[in-house]
C-alpha atoms as a PDB file:
ATOM      1  CA  UNK A   1     -11.394  18.154  14.498  1.00  0.00           C
ATOM      2  CA  UNK A   2     -12.443  21.727  14.849  1.00  0.00           C
ATOM      3  CA  UNK A   3     -10.205  24.644  15.845  1.00  0.00           C
ATOM      4  CA  UNK A   4     -11.151  24.480  19.550  1.00  0.00           C
ATOM      5  CA  UNK A   5     -10.248  20.794  19.755  1.00  0.00           C
ATOM      6  CA  UNK A   6      -6.913  21.390  18.007  1.00  0.00           C
ATOM      7  CA  UNK A   7      -6.098  24.218  20.424  1.00  0.00           C
ATOM      8  CA  UNK A   8      -7.012  22.033  23.415  1.00  0.00           C
ATOM      9  CA  UNK A   9      -4.869  19.122  22.204  1.00  0.00           C
ATOM     10  CA  UNK A  10      -1.976  21.518  21.533  1.00  0.00           C
ATOM     11  CA  UNK A  11      -2.310  23.067  24.998  1.00  0.00           C
ATOM     12  CA  UNK A  12      -2.341  19.666  26.712  1.00  0.00           C
ATOM     13  CA  UNK A  13       0.699  18.550  24.689  1.00  0.00           C
ATOM     14  CA  UNK A  14       2.621  21.715  25.606  1.00  0.00           C
ATOM     15  CA  UNK A  15       1.765  21.298  29.294  1.00  0.00           C
ATOM     16  CA  UNK A  16       3.065  17.718  29.257  1.00  0.00           C
ATOM     17  CA  UNK A  17       6.232  18.818  27.454  1.00  0.00           C
ATOM     18  CA  UNK A  18       6.822  21.685  29.879  1.00  0.00           C
ATOM     19  CA  UNK A  19       6.360  19.361  32.859  1.00  0.00           C
ATOM     20  CA  UNK A  20       8.967  16.979  31.438  1.00  0.00           C
ATOM     21  CA  UNK A  21      11.472  19.806  30.894  1.00  0.00           C
ATOM     22  CA  UNK A  22      10.989  21.163  34.416  1.00  0.00           C
ATOM     23  CA  UNK A  23      11.452  17.689  35.901  1.00  0.00           C
ATOM     24  CA  UNK A  24      14.700  17.209  33.986  1.00  0.00           C
ATOM     25  CA  UNK A  25      16.081  20.495  35.337  1.00  0.00           C
ATOM     26  CA  UNK A  26      15.104  19.640  38.907  1.00  0.00           C
ATOM     27  CA  UNK A  27      16.871  16.292  38.690  1.00  0.00           C
ATOM     28  CA  UNK A  28      20.120  17.725  37.289  1.00  0.00           C
ATOM     29  CA  UNK A  29      23.239  16.917  39.264  1.00  0.00           C
ATOM     30  CA  UNK A  30      24.203  19.796  41.578  1.00  0.00           C
ATOM     31  CA  UNK A  31      27.535  18.571  42.962  1.00  0.00           C
ATOM     32  CA  UNK A  32      30.203  15.941  42.527  1.00  0.00           C
ATOM     33  CA  UNK A  33      33.892  15.137  42.619  1.00  0.00           C
ATOM     34  CA  UNK A  34      36.714  15.804  40.164  1.00  0.00           C
ATOM     35  CA  UNK A  35      39.399  13.272  40.898  1.00  0.00           C
ATOM     36  CA  UNK A  36      40.514  12.403  44.423  1.00  0.00           C
ATOM     37  CA  UNK A  37      40.946  15.848  45.980  1.00  0.00           C
ATOM     38  CA  UNK A  38      38.493  18.209  44.298  1.00  0.00           C
ATOM     39  CA  UNK A  39      34.760  18.745  44.709  1.00  0.00           C
ATOM     40  CA  UNK A  40      32.389  20.876  42.647  1.00  0.00           C
ATOM     41  CA  UNK A  41      29.043  22.431  43.427  1.00  0.00           C
ATOM     42  CA  UNK A  42      26.591  24.309  41.221  1.00  0.00           C
ATOM     43  CA  UNK A  43      24.263  26.659  43.111  1.00  0.00           C
ATOM     44  CA  UNK A  44      20.755  27.780  42.151  1.00  0.00           C
ATOM     45  CA  UNK A  45      22.122  30.891  40.429  1.00  0.00           C
ATOM     46  CA  UNK A  46      24.404  28.794  38.199  1.00  0.00           C
ATOM     47  CA  UNK A  47      27.635  29.656  40.018  1.00  0.00           C
ATOM     48  CA  UNK A  48      30.184  26.851  39.867  1.00  0.00           C
ATOM     49  CA  UNK A  49      32.391  26.433  42.951  1.00  0.00           C
ATOM     50  CA  UNK A  50      35.385  24.093  42.824  1.00  0.00           C
ATOM     51  CA  UNK A  51      37.151  23.377  46.113  1.00  0.00           C
ATOM     52  CA  UNK A  52      39.961  21.161  47.344  1.00  0.00           C
ATOM     53  CA  UNK A  53      43.691  20.859  46.840  1.00  0.00           C
ATOM     54  CA  UNK A  54      45.939  19.684  44.039  1.00  0.00           C
ATOM     55  CA  UNK A  55      45.662  19.715  40.306  1.00  0.00           C
ATOM     56  CA  UNK A  56      42.473  19.095  38.385  1.00  0.00           C
ATOM     57  CA  UNK A  57      42.334  16.445  35.698  1.00  0.00           C
ATOM     58  CA  UNK A  58      42.125  17.645  32.100  1.00  0.00           C
ATOM     59  CA  UNK A  59      38.634  16.777  30.933  1.00  0.00           C
ATOM     60  CA  UNK A  60      37.395  16.467  27.397  1.00  0.00           C
ATOM     61  CA  UNK A  61      34.143  18.473  27.096  1.00  0.00           C
ATOM     62  CA  UNK A  62      32.195  15.353  26.142  1.00  0.00           C
ATOM     63  CA  UNK A  63      33.485  13.460  29.199  1.00  0.00           C
ATOM     64  CA  UNK A  64      32.946  16.202  31.771  1.00  0.00           C
ATOM     65  CA  UNK A  65      30.903  15.175  34.847  1.00  0.00           C
ATOM     66  CA  UNK A  66      29.525  18.723  35.022  1.00  0.00           C
ATOM     67  CA  UNK A  67      26.121  19.554  33.529  1.00  0.00           C
ATOM     68  CA  UNK A  68      26.478  20.877  29.974  1.00  0.00           C
ATOM     69  CA  UNK A  69      24.055  23.756  30.397  1.00  0.00           C
ATOM     70  CA  UNK A  70      21.429  24.903  32.847  1.00  0.00           C
END
């Protein structure tokens, strides 16, 4: 393989990888429920809004229904 072919293969690989990452972000959960009385919503700017009444369950970080990071 010459340098041009290596660059082309690398570019194609990076485009496929980038497409996969973008698709994962688009499919991330944007809202849900925390227990019986609370709802959460994550807007496009990354602001988390929790609404409802009553106490919220204590959640272990690994068990949280919220996305880990955007």
